[in-house]
Amino acid sequence: MPGRPVIGIATQTLDAIPGQLPLCWVMGQKYVRVLTDAGAAPWIIPLIQNDIDTLRSIYEHLDGFFITGGVDVDPSQ
């Protein structure tokens, strides 16, 4: 694989704060820094629902995924 591997990182959803902040997708900078320090090119993936074509287009550009875990990931699965 020539060049830096492109590694996808799924975002997390940040709830809206009425009158201050809309619903947002976020990702901690530490994950991006760890991947770049390891020689990868991180690609932030938004949590797009019900749009398989867009997600497939994103995934076709990736060499791998970085699974961050969190409350929405069941470790037994």
N, C-alpha and C. Protein backbone atom coordinates (compact mmCIF):
# COMPACT_ATOMS: atom_id res chain seq x y z
N MET A 1 0.85 -1.17 0.00
CA MET A 1 0.00 0.00 0.00
C MET A 1 0.90 1.24 0.00
N PRO A 2 0.99 1.93 -1.13
CA PRO A 2 1.84 3.11 -1.19
C PRO A 2 1.21 4.28 -0.43
N GLY A 3 2.06 5.14 0.11
CA GLY A 3 1.55 6.32 0.83
C GLY A 3 0.99 5.97 2.19
N ARG A 4 0.31 6.92 2.74
CA ARG A 4 -0.28 6.75 4.06
C ARG A 4 -1.62 6.03 3.96
N PRO A 5 -1.89 5.05 4.82
CA PRO A 5 -3.21 4.41 4.80
C PRO A 5 -4.28 5.40 5.28
N VAL A 6 -5.42 5.39 4.60
CA VAL A 6 -6.54 6.25 4.97
C VAL A 6 -7.42 5.46 5.95
N ILE A 7 -7.54 5.99 7.15
CA ILE A 7 -8.27 5.31 8.21
C ILE A 7 -9.49 6.13 8.61
N GLY A 8 -10.66 5.51 8.54
CA GLY A 8 -11.91 6.18 8.90
C GLY A 8 -12.14 6.18 10.41
N ILE A 9 -12.67 7.29 10.89
CA ILE A 9 -13.06 7.43 12.30
C ILE A 9 -14.50 7.92 12.31
N ALA A 10 -15.40 7.12 12.89
CA ALA A 10 -16.80 7.54 12.99
C ALA A 10 -16.93 8.65 14.03
N THR A 11 -17.80 9.59 13.73
CA THR A 11 -18.05 10.69 14.66
C THR A 11 -19.03 10.26 15.75
N GLN A 12 -19.23 11.15 16.69
CA GLN A 12 -20.26 10.98 17.71
C GLN A 12 -21.24 12.12 17.55
N THR A 13 -22.46 11.93 18.04
CA THR A 13 -23.48 12.97 17.95
C THR A 13 -23.49 13.79 19.23
N LEU A 14 -23.45 15.09 19.06
CA LEU A 14 -23.57 16.03 20.18
C LEU A 14 -24.96 16.64 20.11
N ASP A 15 -25.73 16.47 21.15
CA ASP A 15 -27.10 16.99 21.16
C ASP A 15 -27.13 18.50 20.99
N ALA A 16 -28.20 18.95 20.39
CA ALA A 16 -28.40 20.39 20.19
C ALA A 16 -28.64 21.09 21.52
N ILE A 17 -28.21 22.34 21.59
CA ILE A 17 -28.51 23.21 22.72
C ILE A 17 -29.39 24.32 22.15
N PRO A 18 -30.71 24.28 22.44
CA PRO A 18 -31.63 25.25 21.82
C PRO A 18 -31.14 26.69 21.96
N GLY A 19 -31.15 27.39 20.82
CA GLY A 19 -30.74 28.78 20.78
C GLY A 19 -29.24 29.01 20.80
N GLN A 20 -28.45 27.92 20.93
CA GLN A 20 -27.00 28.10 21.02
C GLN A 20 -26.22 27.24 20.02
N LEU A 21 -26.63 25.99 19.86
CA LEU A 21 -25.84 25.06 19.07
C LEU A 21 -26.76 24.05 18.41
N PRO A 22 -26.62 23.84 17.09
CA PRO A 22 -27.44 22.83 16.43
C PRO A 22 -26.91 21.43 16.74
N LEU A 23 -27.66 20.41 16.38
CA LEU A 23 -27.19 19.04 16.47
C LEU A 23 -25.88 18.94 15.70
N CYS A 24 -24.85 18.34 16.30
CA CYS A 24 -23.52 18.31 15.68
C CYS A 24 -22.94 16.90 15.68
N TRP A 25 -22.03 16.68 14.74
CA TRP A 25 -21.17 15.50 14.77
C TRP A 25 -19.82 15.96 15.27
N VAL A 26 -19.23 15.21 16.20
CA VAL A 26 -17.95 15.61 16.79
C VAL A 26 -16.99 14.43 16.84
N MET A 27 -15.71 14.75 16.95
CA MET A 27 -14.67 13.74 17.11
C MET A 27 -13.53 14.35 17.90
N GLY A 28 -13.07 13.66 18.92
CA GLY A 28 -11.96 14.14 19.73
C GLY A 28 -10.66 14.22 18.93
N GLN A 29 -9.92 15.28 19.12
CA GLN A 29 -8.67 15.47 18.38
C GLN A 29 -7.61 14.44 18.72
N LYS A 30 -7.68 13.86 19.91
CA LYS A 30 -6.66 12.89 20.31
C LYS A 30 -6.65 11.68 19.36
N TYR A 31 -7.83 11.22 18.93
CA TYR A 31 -7.87 10.09 18.00
C TYR A 31 -7.17 10.44 16.69
N VAL A 32 -7.41 11.63 16.18
CA VAL A 32 -6.79 12.07 14.93
C VAL A 32 -5.28 12.15 15.11
N ARG A 33 -4.84 12.70 16.21
CA ARG A 33 -3.39 12.82 16.46
C ARG A 33 -2.71 11.46 16.58
N VAL A 34 -3.36 10.52 17.26
CA VAL A 34 -2.78 9.18 17.39
C VAL A 34 -2.61 8.53 16.03
N LEU A 35 -3.62 8.66 15.17
CA LEU A 35 -3.52 8.07 13.85
C LEU A 35 -2.47 8.74 12.98
N THR A 36 -2.39 10.07 13.02
CA THR A 36 -1.37 10.74 12.21
C THR A 36 0.03 10.42 12.73
N ASP A 37 0.18 10.34 14.05
CA ASP A 37 1.48 9.97 14.62
C ASP A 37 1.89 8.55 14.22
N ALA A 38 0.89 7.69 13.97
CA ALA A 38 1.17 6.31 13.55
C ALA A 38 1.37 6.20 12.04
N GLY A 39 1.27 7.34 11.33
CA GLY A 39 1.54 7.33 9.90
C GLY A 39 0.30 7.20 9.02
N ALA A 40 -0.88 7.31 9.62
CA ALA A 40 -2.12 7.19 8.84
C ALA A 40 -2.65 8.57 8.46
N ALA A 41 -3.58 8.58 7.52
CA ALA A 41 -4.31 9.79 7.14
C ALA A 41 -5.75 9.59 7.61
N PRO A 42 -6.15 10.23 8.73
CA PRO A 42 -7.49 10.04 9.26
C PRO A 42 -8.56 10.68 8.38
N TRP A 43 -9.70 10.01 8.28
CA TRP A 43 -10.85 10.52 7.52
C TRP A 43 -12.05 10.47 8.46
N ILE A 44 -12.57 11.62 8.81
CA ILE A 44 -13.70 11.71 9.73
C ILE A 44 -14.99 11.35 8.99
N ILE A 45 -15.73 10.38 9.53
CA ILE A 45 -16.95 9.89 8.89
C ILE A 45 -18.17 10.37 9.67
N PRO A 46 -19.04 11.17 9.06
CA PRO A 46 -20.25 11.61 9.74
C PRO A 46 -21.24 10.45 9.91
N LEU A 47 -22.05 10.54 10.95
CA LEU A 47 -23.05 9.50 11.21
C LEU A 47 -24.30 9.74 10.36
N ILE A 48 -24.15 9.54 9.07
CA ILE A 48 -25.25 9.74 8.14
C ILE A 48 -26.16 8.51 8.21
N GLN A 49 -27.45 8.75 8.43
CA GLN A 49 -28.40 7.64 8.50
C GLN A 49 -29.19 7.55 7.21
N ASN A 50 -29.50 6.32 6.83
CA ASN A 50 -30.36 6.05 5.68
C ASN A 50 -29.82 6.60 4.35
N ASP A 51 -28.50 6.61 4.19
CA ASP A 51 -27.90 7.05 2.93
C ASP A 51 -26.74 6.11 2.60
N ILE A 52 -27.10 4.90 2.24
CA ILE A 52 -26.12 3.85 1.98
C ILE A 52 -25.15 4.24 0.86
N ASP A 53 -25.64 4.90 -0.18
CA ASP A 53 -24.77 5.27 -1.30
C ASP A 53 -23.66 6.22 -0.88
N THR A 54 -23.98 7.20 -0.04
CA THR A 54 -22.96 8.14 0.43
C THR A 54 -21.95 7.42 1.31
N LEU A 55 -22.43 6.60 2.24
CA LEU A 55 -21.52 5.87 3.12
C LEU A 55 -20.64 4.91 2.32
N ARG A 56 -21.20 4.23 1.35
CA ARG A 56 -20.41 3.31 0.53
C ARG A 56 -19.32 4.08 -0.22
N SER A 57 -19.64 5.25 -0.72
CA SER A 57 -18.66 6.07 -1.42
C SER A 57 -17.51 6.46 -0.49
N ILE A 58 -17.84 6.80 0.74
CA ILE A 58 -16.80 7.11 1.73
C ILE A 58 -15.96 5.87 2.01
N TYR A 59 -16.60 4.75 2.31
CA TYR A 59 -15.89 3.53 2.69
C TYR A 59 -14.98 3.01 1.59
N GLU A 60 -15.34 3.25 0.33
CA GLU A 60 -14.51 2.78 -0.78
C GLU A 60 -13.15 3.48 -0.83
N HIS A 61 -13.02 4.61 -0.15
CA HIS A 61 -11.75 5.34 -0.11
C HIS A 61 -10.88 4.97 1.09
N LEU A 62 -11.39 4.13 1.97
CA LEU A 62 -10.69 3.82 3.21
C LEU A 62 -9.87 2.54 3.10
N ASP A 63 -8.75 2.54 3.83
CA ASP A 63 -7.95 1.32 3.96
C ASP A 63 -8.28 0.58 5.25
N GLY A 64 -8.95 1.25 6.18
CA GLY A 64 -9.31 0.62 7.44
C GLY A 64 -10.17 1.55 8.29
N PHE A 65 -10.57 1.04 9.46
CA PHE A 65 -11.40 1.81 10.39
C PHE A 65 -10.74 1.84 11.76
N PHE A 66 -10.91 2.93 12.46
CA PHE A 66 -10.46 3.06 13.84
C PHE A 66 -11.72 3.06 14.71
N ILE A 67 -11.88 2.01 15.51
CA ILE A 67 -13.06 1.87 16.35
C ILE A 67 -12.77 2.50 17.71
N THR A 68 -13.48 3.58 18.01
CA THR A 68 -13.21 4.33 19.23
C THR A 68 -13.93 3.81 20.45
N GLY A 69 -14.99 3.05 20.27
CA GLY A 69 -15.79 2.57 21.40
C GLY A 69 -16.74 3.64 21.87
N GLY A 70 -17.25 3.48 23.04
CA GLY A 70 -18.18 4.47 23.59
C GLY A 70 -19.47 3.80 24.03
N VAL A 71 -20.38 4.59 24.50
CA VAL A 71 -21.63 4.05 25.05
C VAL A 71 -22.51 3.43 23.98
N ASP A 72 -22.29 3.75 22.71
CA ASP A 72 -23.13 3.22 21.65
C ASP A 72 -22.53 1.96 21.01
N VAL A 73 -21.42 1.47 21.53
CA VAL A 73 -20.78 0.27 21.00
C VAL A 73 -20.82 -0.82 22.06
N ASP A 74 -21.47 -1.93 21.74
CA ASP A 74 -21.57 -3.04 22.68
C ASP A 74 -20.33 -3.94 22.51
N PRO A 75 -19.44 -4.00 23.50
CA PRO A 75 -18.20 -4.77 23.35
C PRO A 75 -18.42 -6.27 23.21
N SER A 76 -19.61 -6.77 23.53
CA SER A 76 -19.87 -8.21 23.40
C SER A 76 -20.26 -8.59 21.98
N GLN A 77 -20.46 -7.62 21.11
CA GLN A 77 -20.90 -7.90 19.72
C GLN A 77 -19.72 -8.11 18.83
